[in-house]
Amino acid sequence: MPHRLFLLFCILILAACDSGEPNKLSLDDYEGAEGEAVVRHMLKNLPPIDPEVPKVYTIVKGPNLQSTSMPFVRRMEDTNRTFISGEVLTMREPDKSIVDPRSGLSPVTIQLHEIKRTGTDSWEVVAGWAYKKTYERYGYKLTRTVNGYVVTEAGRTEGNYVKPAGAAK
């Protein structure tokens, strides 16, 4: 009987470690240097959505929008943006919009949807942003170099954001 329990325990541990897809990083690993590089790239390249309204930002991970830890978020403080934990966001009636309960502002949500290792120093990443009902999702190629990480946009995969006429990017 103890051998069976031990075997069951080992199987459960292995199942918990497996992300379900070969080379796919676990959600905890999204908060590593690779995830940070992609989030920084996205923050730098966000379009000018509703520029006259102050913004708060939140970072989530995975398809189920799991909130990232505040130590991960604090690594973005040098971007001079106000971040809030996804765990404290509330829903406002009647339109069921998500807001920061302190300021009442809708957050710009950065989502690390999926990160897959494609080589020793390369990854494919699916990530996106959303603000109110406007969103975009992109595929990225991430490469580690001697100087850090290089994020290359592989293309927009979905979204409803429309660039204003005359906008550069």
N, C-alpha and C. Protein backbone atom coordinates (compact mmCIF):
# COMPACT_ATOMS: atom_id res chain seq x y z
N MET A 1 0.81 -1.21 0.00
CA MET A 1 0.00 0.00 0.00
C MET A 1 0.85 1.27 0.00
N PRO A 2 1.91 1.39 0.82
CA PRO A 2 2.73 2.60 0.80
C PRO A 2 3.37 2.83 -0.57
N HIS A 3 3.70 1.74 -1.29
CA HIS A 3 4.30 1.90 -2.61
C HIS A 3 3.30 2.53 -3.59
N ARG A 4 2.04 2.12 -3.48
CA ARG A 4 1.01 2.67 -4.36
C ARG A 4 0.80 4.15 -4.07
N LEU A 5 0.79 4.50 -2.79
CA LEU A 5 0.63 5.91 -2.43
C LEU A 5 1.81 6.74 -2.94
N PHE A 6 3.01 6.17 -2.81
CA PHE A 6 4.19 6.87 -3.30
C PHE A 6 4.12 7.04 -4.82
N LEU A 7 3.71 6.00 -5.52
CA LEU A 7 3.58 6.07 -6.97
C LEU A 7 2.53 7.11 -7.37
N LEU A 8 1.41 7.11 -6.69
CA LEU A 8 0.37 8.11 -6.96
C LEU A 8 0.88 9.52 -6.70
N PHE A 9 1.62 9.70 -5.60
CA PHE A 9 2.20 10.99 -5.28
C PHE A 9 3.15 11.46 -6.39
N CYS A 10 4.00 10.56 -6.88
CA CYS A 10 4.95 10.91 -7.95
C CYS A 10 4.21 11.29 -9.23
N ILE A 11 3.15 10.56 -9.56
CA ILE A 11 2.38 10.87 -10.76
C ILE A 11 1.73 12.25 -10.63
N LEU A 12 1.19 12.55 -9.46
CA LEU A 12 0.56 13.86 -9.25
C LEU A 12 1.59 14.99 -9.34
N ILE A 13 2.76 14.78 -8.80
CA ILE A 13 3.83 15.80 -8.87
C ILE A 13 4.22 16.04 -10.32
N LEU A 14 4.41 14.97 -11.08
CA LEU A 14 4.78 15.12 -12.49
C LEU A 14 3.67 15.80 -13.28
N ALA A 15 2.44 15.48 -13.00
CA ALA A 15 1.32 16.11 -13.69
C ALA A 15 1.25 17.60 -13.37
N ALA A 16 1.55 17.95 -12.14
CA ALA A 16 1.51 19.36 -11.74
C ALA A 16 2.62 20.16 -12.40
N CYS A 17 3.75 19.52 -12.66
CA CYS A 17 4.88 20.21 -13.28
C CYS A 17 4.68 20.41 -14.78
N ASP A 18 3.92 19.55 -15.40
CA ASP A 18 3.75 19.61 -16.84
C ASP A 18 2.75 20.69 -17.21
N SER A 19 3.11 21.52 -18.17
CA SER A 19 2.20 22.57 -18.62
C SER A 19 1.17 22.03 -19.58
N GLY A 20 1.31 20.76 -20.01
CA GLY A 20 0.35 20.17 -20.92
C GLY A 20 0.78 20.25 -22.37
N GLU A 21 1.70 21.10 -22.70
CA GLU A 21 2.19 21.25 -24.06
C GLU A 21 3.70 21.23 -24.04
N PRO A 22 4.30 20.52 -24.97
CA PRO A 22 5.77 20.51 -24.99
C PRO A 22 6.35 21.91 -25.15
N ASN A 23 7.37 22.21 -24.39
CA ASN A 23 8.11 23.47 -24.44
C ASN A 23 7.35 24.69 -23.94
N LYS A 24 6.12 24.52 -23.50
CA LYS A 24 5.36 25.65 -22.97
C LYS A 24 5.81 25.92 -21.53
N LEU A 25 6.10 27.17 -21.23
CA LEU A 25 6.51 27.53 -19.88
C LEU A 25 5.33 27.46 -18.92
N SER A 26 5.61 27.18 -17.66
CA SER A 26 4.56 27.21 -16.65
C SER A 26 4.18 28.67 -16.38
N LEU A 27 3.00 28.89 -15.86
CA LEU A 27 2.55 30.26 -15.59
C LEU A 27 3.50 30.98 -14.63
N ASP A 28 4.08 30.26 -13.67
CA ASP A 28 5.02 30.90 -12.75
C ASP A 28 6.24 31.44 -13.49
N ASP A 29 6.67 30.74 -14.54
CA ASP A 29 7.84 31.17 -15.30
C ASP A 29 7.56 32.39 -16.17
N TYR A 30 6.30 32.75 -16.37
CA TYR A 30 5.97 33.94 -17.15
C TYR A 30 6.48 35.20 -16.45
N GLU A 31 6.72 35.10 -15.15
CA GLU A 31 7.19 36.25 -14.39
C GLU A 31 8.71 36.35 -14.36
N GLY A 32 9.37 35.61 -15.24
CA GLY A 32 10.82 35.66 -15.34
C GLY A 32 11.26 36.78 -16.28
N ALA A 33 12.53 36.73 -16.63
CA ALA A 33 13.11 37.76 -17.49
C ALA A 33 12.45 37.80 -18.87
N GLU A 34 12.02 36.64 -19.37
CA GLU A 34 11.38 36.60 -20.68
C GLU A 34 10.05 37.36 -20.67
N GLY A 35 9.22 37.09 -19.66
CA GLY A 35 7.95 37.80 -19.54
C GLY A 35 8.16 39.29 -19.36
N GLU A 36 9.15 39.65 -18.55
CA GLU A 36 9.44 41.07 -18.33
C GLU A 36 9.83 41.75 -19.63
N ALA A 37 10.65 41.10 -20.44
CA ALA A 37 11.08 41.69 -21.71
C ALA A 37 9.88 41.96 -22.63
N VAL A 38 8.95 41.02 -22.67
CA VAL A 38 7.77 41.20 -23.53
C VAL A 38 6.87 42.31 -22.99
N VAL A 39 6.65 42.34 -21.67
CA VAL A 39 5.81 43.39 -21.08
C VAL A 39 6.42 44.76 -21.35
N ARG A 40 7.72 44.90 -21.17
CA ARG A 40 8.38 46.18 -21.43
C ARG A 40 8.23 46.59 -22.89
N HIS A 41 8.37 45.63 -23.80
CA HIS A 41 8.20 45.91 -25.22
C HIS A 41 6.78 46.41 -25.49
N MET A 42 5.80 45.74 -24.90
CA MET A 42 4.41 46.12 -25.13
C MET A 42 4.12 47.51 -24.56
N LEU A 43 4.60 47.77 -23.35
CA LEU A 43 4.39 49.10 -22.75
C LEU A 43 4.98 50.20 -23.63
N LYS A 44 6.14 49.94 -24.19
CA LYS A 44 6.81 50.92 -25.03
C LYS A 44 6.05 51.15 -26.34
N ASN A 45 5.32 50.13 -26.80
CA ASN A 45 4.67 50.20 -28.11
C ASN A 45 3.15 50.28 -28.06
N LEU A 46 2.59 50.59 -26.89
CA LEU A 46 1.13 50.74 -26.81
C LEU A 46 0.67 51.90 -27.67
N PRO A 47 -0.44 51.73 -28.36
CA PRO A 47 -0.97 52.86 -29.15
C PRO A 47 -1.54 53.92 -28.21
N PRO A 48 -1.75 55.12 -28.73
CA PRO A 48 -2.28 56.21 -27.90
C PRO A 48 -3.79 56.07 -27.70
N ILE A 49 -4.19 55.15 -26.85
CA ILE A 49 -5.60 54.91 -26.61
C ILE A 49 -6.13 55.89 -25.56
N ASP A 50 -7.13 56.63 -25.93
CA ASP A 50 -7.77 57.58 -25.02
C ASP A 50 -6.71 58.42 -24.28
N PRO A 51 -5.85 59.14 -25.01
CA PRO A 51 -4.69 59.81 -24.40
C PRO A 51 -5.02 60.87 -23.36
N GLU A 52 -6.21 61.45 -23.40
CA GLU A 52 -6.53 62.50 -22.44
C GLU A 52 -6.95 61.97 -21.08
N VAL A 53 -7.14 60.65 -20.96
CA VAL A 53 -7.57 60.04 -19.70
C VAL A 53 -6.37 59.44 -18.99
N PRO A 54 -6.17 59.72 -17.69
CA PRO A 54 -5.07 59.09 -16.96
C PRO A 54 -5.24 57.58 -16.97
N LYS A 55 -4.14 56.86 -16.87
CA LYS A 55 -4.19 55.39 -16.97
C LYS A 55 -3.60 54.72 -15.74
N VAL A 56 -4.14 53.56 -15.43
CA VAL A 56 -3.53 52.61 -14.51
C VAL A 56 -3.33 51.34 -15.33
N TYR A 57 -2.37 50.53 -14.92
CA TYR A 57 -2.01 49.33 -15.67
C TYR A 57 -2.06 48.11 -14.77
N THR A 58 -2.39 46.97 -15.36
CA THR A 58 -2.33 45.71 -14.65
C THR A 58 -1.73 44.68 -15.60
N ILE A 59 -1.04 43.69 -15.05
CA ILE A 59 -0.42 42.65 -15.85
C ILE A 59 -1.00 41.31 -15.41
N VAL A 60 -1.47 40.54 -16.39
CA VAL A 60 -2.04 39.23 -16.11
C VAL A 60 -1.34 38.20 -16.98
N LYS A 61 -1.55 36.93 -16.65
CA LYS A 61 -0.87 35.87 -17.39
C LYS A 61 -1.81 34.71 -17.65
N GLY A 62 -1.55 34.01 -18.74
CA GLY A 62 -2.32 32.84 -19.10
C GLY A 62 -3.66 33.17 -19.71
N PRO A 63 -4.31 32.17 -20.27
CA PRO A 63 -5.61 32.40 -20.91
C PRO A 63 -6.71 32.76 -19.91
N ASN A 64 -6.52 32.41 -18.63
CA ASN A 64 -7.53 32.69 -17.61
C ASN A 64 -7.28 34.00 -16.87
N LEU A 65 -6.35 34.81 -17.36
CA LEU A 65 -6.07 36.14 -16.81
C LEU A 65 -5.70 36.12 -15.33
N GLN A 66 -4.81 35.22 -14.97
CA GLN A 66 -4.33 35.15 -13.59
C GLN A 66 -3.45 36.36 -13.30
N SER A 67 -3.67 36.99 -12.18
CA SER A 67 -2.91 38.16 -11.80
C SER A 67 -1.44 37.80 -11.57
N THR A 68 -0.55 38.67 -12.00
CA THR A 68 0.87 38.46 -11.71
C THR A 68 1.16 38.97 -10.30
N SER A 69 2.29 38.55 -9.76
CA SER A 69 2.65 38.97 -8.42
C SER A 69 3.11 40.43 -8.42
N MET A 70 2.95 41.09 -7.30
CA MET A 70 3.38 42.48 -7.20
C MET A 70 4.90 42.63 -7.29
N PRO A 71 5.71 41.68 -6.80
CA PRO A 71 7.16 41.82 -7.05
C PRO A 71 7.50 41.88 -8.54
N PHE A 72 6.79 41.10 -9.36
CA PHE A 72 7.00 41.16 -10.81
C PHE A 72 6.58 42.53 -11.33
N VAL A 73 5.43 43.00 -10.93
CA VAL A 73 4.92 44.29 -11.39
C VAL A 73 5.84 45.42 -10.96
N ARG A 74 6.39 45.34 -9.75
CA ARG A 74 7.27 46.41 -9.24
C ARG A 74 8.53 46.56 -10.09
N ARG A 75 8.91 45.51 -10.81
CA ARG A 75 10.08 45.62 -11.68
C ARG A 75 9.83 46.59 -12.82
N MET A 76 8.59 46.98 -13.04
CA MET A 76 8.23 47.92 -14.12
C MET A 76 8.14 49.36 -13.62
N GLU A 77 8.47 49.61 -12.36
CA GLU A 77 8.32 50.95 -11.79
C GLU A 77 9.10 52.01 -12.55
N ASP A 78 10.23 51.62 -13.15
CA ASP A 78 11.03 52.59 -13.88
C ASP A 78 10.34 53.10 -15.15
N THR A 79 9.20 52.52 -15.52
CA THR A 79 8.44 52.99 -16.69
C THR A 79 7.58 54.21 -16.34
N ASN A 80 7.55 54.57 -15.06
CA ASN A 80 6.77 55.73 -14.58
C ASN A 80 5.28 55.60 -14.89
N ARG A 81 4.76 54.40 -14.71
CA ARG A 81 3.33 54.14 -14.89
C ARG A 81 2.78 53.64 -13.56
N THR A 82 1.50 53.85 -13.36
CA THR A 82 0.84 53.39 -12.14
C THR A 82 0.28 52.00 -12.39
N PHE A 83 0.76 51.03 -11.60
CA PHE A 83 0.30 49.65 -11.73
C PHE A 83 -0.58 49.28 -10.55
N ILE A 84 -1.52 48.39 -10.81
CA ILE A 84 -2.41 47.88 -9.78
C ILE A 84 -2.50 46.37 -9.95
N SER A 85 -2.64 45.67 -8.85
CA SER A 85 -2.80 44.22 -8.89
C SER A 85 -4.14 43.87 -9.52
N GLY A 86 -4.14 42.87 -10.36
CA GLY A 86 -5.39 42.40 -10.96
C GLY A 86 -6.34 41.82 -9.94
N GLU A 87 -5.83 41.47 -8.77
CA GLU A 87 -6.66 40.86 -7.74
C GLU A 87 -7.61 41.85 -7.06
N VAL A 88 -7.32 43.13 -7.15
CA VAL A 88 -8.16 44.11 -6.46
C VAL A 88 -9.12 44.84 -7.40
N LEU A 89 -9.05 44.54 -8.67
CA LEU A 89 -9.96 45.20 -9.61
C LEU A 89 -11.40 44.80 -9.32
N THR A 90 -12.31 45.72 -9.57
CA THR A 90 -13.73 45.45 -9.31
C THR A 90 -14.54 45.68 -10.59
N MET A 91 -15.78 45.21 -10.58
CA MET A 91 -16.66 45.39 -11.71
C MET A 91 -17.66 46.50 -11.38
N ARG A 92 -17.82 47.41 -12.33
CA ARG A 92 -18.75 48.53 -12.14
C ARG A 92 -19.99 48.28 -12.99
N GLU A 93 -21.13 48.47 -12.37
CA GLU A 93 -22.41 48.34 -13.07
C GLU A 93 -22.74 49.67 -13.73
N PRO A 94 -23.57 49.80 -14.69
CA PRO A 94 -24.37 48.75 -15.30
C PRO A 94 -23.67 48.09 -16.49
N ASP A 95 -22.53 48.67 -16.95
CA ASP A 95 -21.89 48.13 -18.15
C ASP A 95 -20.90 47.01 -17.87
N LYS A 96 -20.76 46.65 -16.59
CA LYS A 96 -19.86 45.58 -16.16
C LYS A 96 -18.40 45.83 -16.57
N SER A 97 -18.00 47.09 -16.50
CA SER A 97 -16.62 47.43 -16.82
C SER A 97 -15.73 47.17 -15.61
N ILE A 98 -14.49 46.80 -15.88
CA ILE A 98 -13.51 46.52 -14.84
C ILE A 98 -12.81 47.83 -14.49
N VAL A 99 -12.68 48.13 -13.19
CA VAL A 99 -12.08 49.39 -12.76
C VAL A 99 -11.16 49.18 -11.56
N ASP A 100 -10.28 50.14 -11.38
CA ASP A 100 -9.45 50.26 -10.19
C ASP A 100 -10.36 50.86 -9.11
N PRO A 101 -10.59 50.16 -8.00
CA PRO A 101 -11.52 50.68 -7.00
C PRO A 101 -11.06 51.99 -6.35
N ARG A 102 -9.76 52.26 -6.33
CA ARG A 102 -9.27 53.49 -5.72
C ARG A 102 -9.53 54.71 -6.59
N SER A 103 -9.25 54.58 -7.88
CA SER A 103 -9.36 55.74 -8.77
C SER A 103 -10.62 55.74 -9.63
N GLY A 104 -11.24 54.57 -9.78
CA GLY A 104 -12.39 54.45 -10.67
C GLY A 104 -12.01 54.36 -12.14
N LEU A 105 -10.70 54.31 -12.43
CA LEU A 105 -10.23 54.24 -13.81
C LEU A 105 -10.23 52.80 -14.32
N SER A 106 -10.54 52.65 -15.60
CA SER A 106 -10.40 51.34 -16.25
C SER A 106 -8.92 51.09 -16.49
N PRO A 107 -8.41 49.91 -16.15
CA PRO A 107 -6.98 49.66 -16.34
C PRO A 107 -6.66 49.28 -17.78
N VAL A 108 -5.45 49.58 -18.19
CA VAL A 108 -4.89 49.00 -19.41
C VAL A 108 -4.32 47.66 -18.95
N THR A 109 -4.83 46.59 -19.52
CA THR A 109 -4.42 45.25 -19.11
C THR A 109 -3.42 44.71 -20.12
N ILE A 110 -2.27 44.28 -19.62
CA ILE A 110 -1.25 43.62 -20.44
C ILE A 110 -1.35 42.13 -20.11
N GLN A 111 -1.53 41.30 -21.13
CA GLN A 111 -1.68 39.87 -20.91
C GLN A 111 -0.55 39.10 -21.58
N LEU A 112 0.18 38.32 -20.76
CA LEU A 112 1.12 37.33 -21.28
C LEU A 112 0.30 36.05 -21.45
N HIS A 113 -0.19 35.81 -22.64
CA HIS A 113 -1.12 34.70 -22.88
C HIS A 113 -0.40 33.36 -22.91
N GLU A 114 0.72 33.29 -23.64
CA GLU A 114 1.42 32.01 -23.78
C GLU A 114 2.88 32.26 -24.12
N ILE A 115 3.76 31.47 -23.50
CA ILE A 115 5.18 31.54 -23.82
C ILE A 115 5.67 30.11 -24.06
N LYS A 116 6.26 29.87 -25.24
CA LYS A 116 6.80 28.56 -25.60
C LYS A 116 8.27 28.69 -25.97
N ARG A 117 9.07 27.79 -25.44
CA ARG A 117 10.49 27.75 -25.79
C ARG A 117 10.62 27.13 -27.17
N THR A 118 11.38 27.79 -28.05
CA THR A 118 11.62 27.25 -29.39
C THR A 118 13.07 26.87 -29.61
N GLY A 119 13.92 27.20 -28.66
CA GLY A 119 15.34 26.88 -28.74
C GLY A 119 15.98 27.23 -27.41
N THR A 120 17.28 27.08 -27.35
CA THR A 120 18.00 27.38 -26.11
C THR A 120 17.80 28.82 -25.67
N ASP A 121 17.85 29.74 -26.62
CA ASP A 121 17.73 31.16 -26.31
C ASP A 121 16.62 31.84 -27.11
N SER A 122 15.54 31.10 -27.39
CA SER A 122 14.45 31.70 -28.17
C SER A 122 13.10 31.17 -27.72
N TRP A 123 12.08 32.03 -27.85
CA TRP A 123 10.73 31.72 -27.43
C TRP A 123 9.74 32.31 -28.43
N GLU A 124 8.56 31.70 -28.50
CA GLU A 124 7.42 32.29 -29.19
C GLU A 124 6.46 32.73 -28.10
N VAL A 125 5.96 33.95 -28.22
CA VAL A 125 5.10 34.52 -27.18
C VAL A 125 3.82 35.05 -27.83
N VAL A 126 2.71 34.78 -27.18
CA VAL A 126 1.44 35.40 -27.55
C VAL A 126 1.08 36.32 -26.39
N ALA A 127 0.91 37.61 -26.70
CA ALA A 127 0.62 38.59 -25.66
C ALA A 127 -0.28 39.67 -26.25
N GLY A 128 -0.97 40.37 -25.37
CA GLY A 128 -1.86 41.40 -25.86
C GLY A 128 -2.13 42.46 -24.82
N TRP A 129 -2.94 43.41 -25.21
CA TRP A 129 -3.35 44.49 -24.31
C TRP A 129 -4.84 44.71 -24.51
N ALA A 130 -5.47 45.26 -23.48
CA ALA A 130 -6.89 45.61 -23.56
C ALA A 130 -7.14 46.86 -22.74
N TYR A 131 -8.03 47.70 -23.24
CA TYR A 131 -8.46 48.89 -22.51
C TYR A 131 -9.94 49.05 -22.77
N LYS A 132 -10.72 48.91 -21.72
CA LYS A 132 -12.17 48.90 -21.83
C LYS A 132 -12.56 47.79 -22.81
N LYS A 133 -13.18 48.12 -23.92
CA LYS A 133 -13.60 47.09 -24.87
C LYS A 133 -12.69 47.01 -26.10
N THR A 134 -11.58 47.71 -26.07
CA THR A 134 -10.63 47.72 -27.18
C THR A 134 -9.45 46.83 -26.83
N TYR A 135 -8.99 46.02 -27.78
CA TYR A 135 -7.90 45.10 -27.49
C TYR A 135 -7.13 44.73 -28.75
N GLU A 136 -5.94 44.19 -28.54
CA GLU A 136 -5.12 43.61 -29.60
C GLU A 136 -4.31 42.48 -29.00
N ARG A 137 -4.05 41.47 -29.81
CA ARG A 137 -3.18 40.36 -29.41
C ARG A 137 -2.18 40.13 -30.54
N TYR A 138 -0.94 39.90 -30.16
CA TYR A 138 0.14 39.72 -31.13
C TYR A 138 0.92 38.45 -30.84
N GLY A 139 1.57 37.97 -31.88
CA GLY A 139 2.59 36.94 -31.74
C GLY A 139 3.93 37.65 -31.74
N TYR A 140 4.84 37.18 -30.91
CA TYR A 140 6.18 37.75 -30.84
C TYR A 140 7.22 36.64 -30.89
N LYS A 141 8.38 36.99 -31.36
CA LYS A 141 9.54 36.11 -31.26
C LYS A 141 10.48 36.80 -30.28
N LEU A 142 10.93 36.05 -29.29
CA LEU A 142 11.81 36.58 -28.25
C LEU A 142 13.13 35.85 -28.34
N THR A 143 14.22 36.60 -28.36
CA THR A 143 15.55 36.01 -28.45
C THR A 143 16.44 36.61 -27.36
N ARG A 144 17.17 35.73 -26.65
CA ARG A 144 18.14 36.22 -25.66
C ARG A 144 19.45 36.48 -26.39
N THR A 145 20.02 37.67 -26.15
CA THR A 145 21.31 38.03 -26.73
C THR A 145 22.28 38.32 -25.58
N VAL A 146 23.50 38.63 -25.91
CA VAL A 146 24.47 38.96 -24.87
C VAL A 146 24.09 40.25 -24.14
N ASN A 147 23.31 41.11 -24.78
CA ASN A 147 22.90 42.38 -24.19
C ASN A 147 21.53 42.35 -23.55
N GLY A 148 20.85 41.20 -23.53
CA GLY A 148 19.51 41.14 -22.97
C GLY A 148 18.59 40.35 -23.87
N TYR A 149 17.43 40.92 -24.16
CA TYR A 149 16.43 40.25 -24.99
C TYR A 149 16.02 41.14 -26.14
N VAL A 150 15.73 40.52 -27.28
CA VAL A 150 15.22 41.22 -28.44
C VAL A 150 13.82 40.66 -28.70
N VAL A 151 12.84 41.56 -28.77
CA VAL A 151 11.46 41.18 -29.04
C VAL A 151 11.13 41.62 -30.45
N THR A 152 10.70 40.66 -31.27
CA THR A 152 10.34 40.94 -32.65
C THR A 152 8.87 40.59 -32.84
N GLU A 153 8.13 41.53 -33.38
CA GLU A 153 6.71 41.30 -33.60
C GLU A 153 6.53 40.35 -34.78
N ALA A 154 5.77 39.26 -34.56
CA ALA A 154 5.50 38.29 -35.62
C ALA A 154 4.17 38.57 -36.30
N GLY A 155 3.37 39.45 -35.73
CA GLY A 155 2.11 39.82 -36.38
C GLY A 155 0.94 39.85 -35.42
N ARG A 156 -0.03 40.64 -35.77
CA ARG A 156 -1.27 40.75 -35.00
C ARG A 156 -2.11 39.51 -35.26
N THR A 157 -2.59 38.90 -34.19
CA THR A 157 -3.41 37.71 -34.35
C THR A 157 -4.90 38.00 -34.21
N GLU A 158 -5.24 39.03 -33.45
CA GLU A 158 -6.64 39.43 -33.32
C GLU A 158 -6.73 40.78 -32.65
N GLY A 159 -7.90 41.39 -32.73
CA GLY A 159 -8.11 42.66 -32.06
C GLY A 159 -9.14 43.51 -32.77
N ASN A 160 -9.59 44.55 -32.07
CA ASN A 160 -10.57 45.46 -32.66
C ASN A 160 -10.08 46.92 -32.65
N TYR A 161 -8.82 47.12 -32.23
CA TYR A 161 -8.28 48.47 -32.22
C TYR A 161 -8.07 48.94 -33.66
N VAL A 162 -8.50 50.15 -33.95
CA VAL A 162 -8.31 50.76 -35.26
C VAL A 162 -7.44 51.98 -35.06
N LYS A 163 -6.31 52.01 -35.76
CA LYS A 163 -5.40 53.15 -35.65
C LYS A 163 -6.08 54.40 -36.20
N PRO A 164 -5.89 55.53 -35.51
CA PRO A 164 -6.46 56.78 -36.03
C PRO A 164 -5.80 57.14 -37.37
N ALA A 165 -6.53 57.80 -38.21
CA ALA A 165 -5.98 58.21 -39.50
C ALA A 165 -4.75 59.05 -39.28
N GLY A 166 -3.70 58.75 -40.01
CA GLY A 166 -2.44 59.50 -39.91
C GLY A 166 -1.52 59.03 -38.80
N ALA A 167 -1.91 57.99 -38.04
CA ALA A 167 -1.04 57.48 -36.96
C ALA A 167 0.11 56.69 -37.57
N ALA A 168 1.30 56.84 -36.98
CA ALA A 168 2.50 56.19 -37.51
C ALA A 168 2.46 54.68 -37.29
N LYS A 169 2.24 54.23 -36.06
CA LYS A 169 2.27 52.79 -35.81
C LYS A 169 1.03 52.32 -35.13
